[in-house]
Amino acid sequence: MTGQKRNPFDLKSNDQPSDTMDIDDKKPGPLEPKKARDYLIAFTRRLENNLDGASFLVGEKLTYADFALFAELRRHLLLQPEFLRNFPLLKSWYTGLS
């Protein structure tokens, strides 16, 4: 793969959000690919670590967190349909809510 850039949205099983992930960033507009990838990894890990096996971000039922993430993912998917291509758990979660 010499000469090819790694897709910033490719997910490996041991990926974790970067230490520089700033959830208090108030700048409007689309996220840069590295930051968006960090968020996708964090939400994937949150779903994976949901101890009760529920299909929601927090607890056993739909919450504001689910609505907020769904709305954000929808916006990105409208602009870039392959946005969740490398995040099958998030894609499944999104499809289940839609």
C-alpha atoms as a PDB file:
ATOM      1  CA  MET A   1       0.000   0.000   0.000  1.00  0.00           C
ATOM      2  CA  THR A   2       2.808   2.397  -0.602  1.00  0.00           C
ATOM      3  CA  GLY A   3       1.673   5.744  -1.827  1.00  0.00           C
ATOM      4  CA  GLN A   4      -1.882   5.326  -0.527  1.00  0.00           C
ATOM      5  CA  LYS A   5      -3.137   7.277   2.429  1.00  0.00           C
ATOM      6  CA  ARG A   6      -4.955   5.355   5.144  1.00  0.00           C
ATOM      7  CA  ASN A   7      -8.654   6.124   5.245  1.00  0.00           C
ATOM      8  CA  PRO A   8      -9.096   8.083   8.505  1.00  0.00           C
ATOM      9  CA  PHE A   9     -12.382   6.246   9.142  1.00  0.00           C
ATOM     10  CA  ASP A  10     -10.951   2.719   9.006  1.00  0.00           C
ATOM     11  CA  LEU A  11     -11.549   1.032  12.359  1.00  0.00           C
ATOM     12  CA  LYS A  12      -9.282  -1.566  13.896  1.00  0.00           C
ATOM     13  CA  SER A  13     -10.378  -3.627  16.895  1.00  0.00           C
ATOM     14  CA  ASN A  14      -7.842  -1.993  19.211  1.00  0.00           C
ATOM     15  CA  ASP A  15      -8.523   1.606  18.133  1.00  0.00           C
ATOM     16  CA  GLN A  16      -9.311   4.068  20.866  1.00  0.00           C
ATOM     17  CA  PRO A  17     -10.166   7.777  20.673  1.00  0.00           C
ATOM     18  CA  SER A  18      -7.068   9.951  20.676  1.00  0.00           C
ATOM     19  CA  ASP A  19      -5.974  11.683  23.864  1.00  0.00           C
ATOM     20  CA  THR A  20      -6.600  15.030  22.199  1.00  0.00           C
ATOM     21  CA  MET A  21     -10.336  14.419  21.736  1.00  0.00           C
ATOM     22  CA  ASP A  22     -12.007  17.557  23.048  1.00  0.00           C
ATOM     23  CA  ILE A  23     -15.721  17.135  23.672  1.00  0.00           C
ATOM     24  CA  ASP A  24     -16.035  20.786  24.645  1.00  0.00           C
ATOM     25  CA  ASP A  25     -15.117  22.046  21.182  1.00  0.00           C
ATOM     26  CA  LYS A  26     -17.850  24.554  20.320  1.00  0.00           C
ATOM     27  CA  LYS A  27     -16.880  25.280  16.714  1.00  0.00           C
ATOM     28  CA  PRO A  28     -19.855  24.787  14.373  1.00  0.00           C
ATOM     29  CA  GLY A  29     -19.587  22.898  11.119  1.00  0.00           C
ATOM     30  CA  PRO A  30     -18.346  19.501  10.047  1.00  0.00           C
ATOM     31  CA  LEU A  31     -15.648  17.753  12.022  1.00  0.00           C
ATOM     32  CA  GLU A  32     -12.246  17.099  10.557  1.00  0.00           C
ATOM     33  CA  PRO A  33     -11.840  13.394   9.651  1.00  0.00           C
ATOM     34  CA  LYS A  34      -9.514  12.554  12.568  1.00  0.00           C
ATOM     35  CA  LYS A  35     -11.843  14.095  15.135  1.00  0.00           C
ATOM     36  CA  ALA A  36     -14.938  12.513  13.553  1.00  0.00           C
ATOM     37  CA  ARG A  37     -13.185   9.131  13.612  1.00  0.00           C
ATOM     38  CA  ASP A  38     -12.363   9.601  17.315  1.00  0.00           C
ATOM     39  CA  TYR A  39     -16.030  10.226  18.071  1.00  0.00           C
ATOM     40  CA  LEU A  40     -17.139   7.214  16.020  1.00  0.00           C
ATOM     41  CA  ILE A  41     -14.659   5.020  17.884  1.00  0.00           C
ATOM     42  CA  ALA A  42     -15.846   6.356  21.240  1.00  0.00           C
ATOM     43  CA  PHE A  43     -19.507   5.702  20.438  1.00  0.00           C
ATOM     44  CA  THR A  44     -18.685   2.236  19.089  1.00  0.00           C
ATOM     45  CA  ARG A  45     -16.829   1.409  22.299  1.00  0.00           C
ATOM     46  CA  ARG A  46     -19.760   2.739  24.339  1.00  0.00           C
ATOM     47  CA  LEU A  47     -22.172   0.420  22.533  1.00  0.00           C
ATOM     48  CA  GLU A  48     -19.752  -2.505  22.896  1.00  0.00           C
ATOM     49  CA  ASN A  49     -19.357  -1.889  26.618  1.00  0.00           C
ATOM     50  CA  ASN A  50     -23.049  -1.574  27.355  1.00  0.00           C
ATOM     51  CA  LEU A  51     -23.102  -4.206  30.088  1.00  0.00           C
ATOM     52  CA  ASP A  52     -26.797  -5.008  29.878  1.00  0.00           C
ATOM     53  CA  GLY A  53     -26.524  -5.732  26.158  1.00  0.00           C
ATOM     54  CA  ALA A  54     -29.145  -3.112  25.343  1.00  0.00           C
ATOM     55  CA  SER A  55     -29.153  -1.401  21.974  1.00  0.00           C
ATOM     56  CA  PHE A  56     -28.946   2.073  23.434  1.00  0.00           C
ATOM     57  CA  LEU A  57     -26.107   4.364  24.393  1.00  0.00           C
ATOM     58  CA  VAL A  58     -27.273   4.781  27.975  1.00  0.00           C
ATOM     59  CA  GLY A  59     -29.326   2.249  29.888  1.00  0.00           C
ATOM     60  CA  GLU A  60     -32.107   0.000  28.676  1.00  0.00           C
ATOM     61  CA  LYS A  61     -34.285   2.484  26.828  1.00  0.00           C
ATOM     62  CA  LEU A  62     -34.111   5.268  24.303  1.00  0.00           C
ATOM     63  CA  THR A  63     -32.696   8.504  25.728  1.00  0.00           C
ATOM     64  CA  TYR A  64     -31.739  11.965  24.549  1.00  0.00           C
ATOM     65  CA  ALA A  65     -28.206  10.659  23.918  1.00  0.00           C
ATOM     66  CA  ASP A  66     -29.572   8.250  21.300  1.00  0.00           C
ATOM     67  CA  PHE A  67     -31.609  10.981  19.608  1.00  0.00           C
ATOM     68  CA  ALA A  68     -28.650  13.367  19.562  1.00  0.00           C
ATOM     69  CA  LEU A  69     -26.255  10.832  18.063  1.00  0.00           C
ATOM     70  CA  PHE A  70     -28.868   9.635  15.567  1.00  0.00           C
ATOM     71  CA  ALA A  71     -29.448  13.206  14.345  1.00  0.00           C
ATOM     72  CA  GLU A  72     -25.722  13.854  13.983  1.00  0.00           C
ATOM     73  CA  LEU A  73     -25.116  10.601  12.123  1.00  0.00           C
ATOM     74  CA  ARG A  74     -28.063  11.280   9.825  1.00  0.00           C
ATOM     75  CA  ARG A  75     -26.602  14.657   8.884  1.00  0.00           C
ATOM     76  CA  HIS A  76     -23.252  13.084   8.060  1.00  0.00           C
ATOM     77  CA  LEU A  77     -24.837  10.184   6.156  1.00  0.00           C
ATOM     78  CA  LEU A  78     -26.847  12.572   3.980  1.00  0.00           C
ATOM     79  CA  LEU A  79     -23.595  14.254   2.933  1.00  0.00           C
ATOM     80  CA  GLN A  80     -21.454  11.119   2.802  1.00  0.00           C
ATOM     81  CA  PRO A  81     -23.489   7.875   2.523  1.00  0.00           C
ATOM     82  CA  GLU A  82     -20.445   5.684   3.252  1.00  0.00           C
ATOM     83  CA  PHE A  83     -19.693   7.520   6.515  1.00  0.00           C
ATOM     84  CA  LEU A  84     -20.326   4.424   8.688  1.00  0.00           C
ATOM     85  CA  ARG A  85     -18.861   1.892   6.266  1.00  0.00           C
ATOM     86  CA  ASN A  86     -16.126   0.861   8.712  1.00  0.00           C
ATOM     87  CA  PHE A  87     -18.320   1.055  11.799  1.00  0.00           C
ATOM     88  CA  PRO A  88     -20.766  -1.865  11.469  1.00  0.00           C
ATOM     89  CA  LEU A  89     -22.020  -1.691  15.058  1.00  0.00           C
ATOM     90  CA  LEU A  90     -22.900   1.992  14.747  1.00  0.00           C
ATOM     91  CA  LYS A  91     -24.435   1.373  11.326  1.00  0.00           C
ATOM     92  CA  SER A  92     -26.575  -1.429  12.776  1.00  0.00           C
ATOM     93  CA  TRP A  93     -27.561   0.770  15.738  1.00  0.00           C
ATOM     94  CA  TYR A  94     -28.475   3.638  13.372  1.00  0.00           C
ATOM     95  CA  THR A  95     -30.495   1.351  11.096  1.00  0.00           C
ATOM     96  CA  GLY A  96     -32.321  -0.109  14.077  1.00  0.00           C
ATOM     97  CA  LEU A  97     -33.424   3.335  15.214  1.00  0.00           C
ATOM     98  CA  SER A  98     -34.469   4.567  11.769  1.00  0.00           C
END
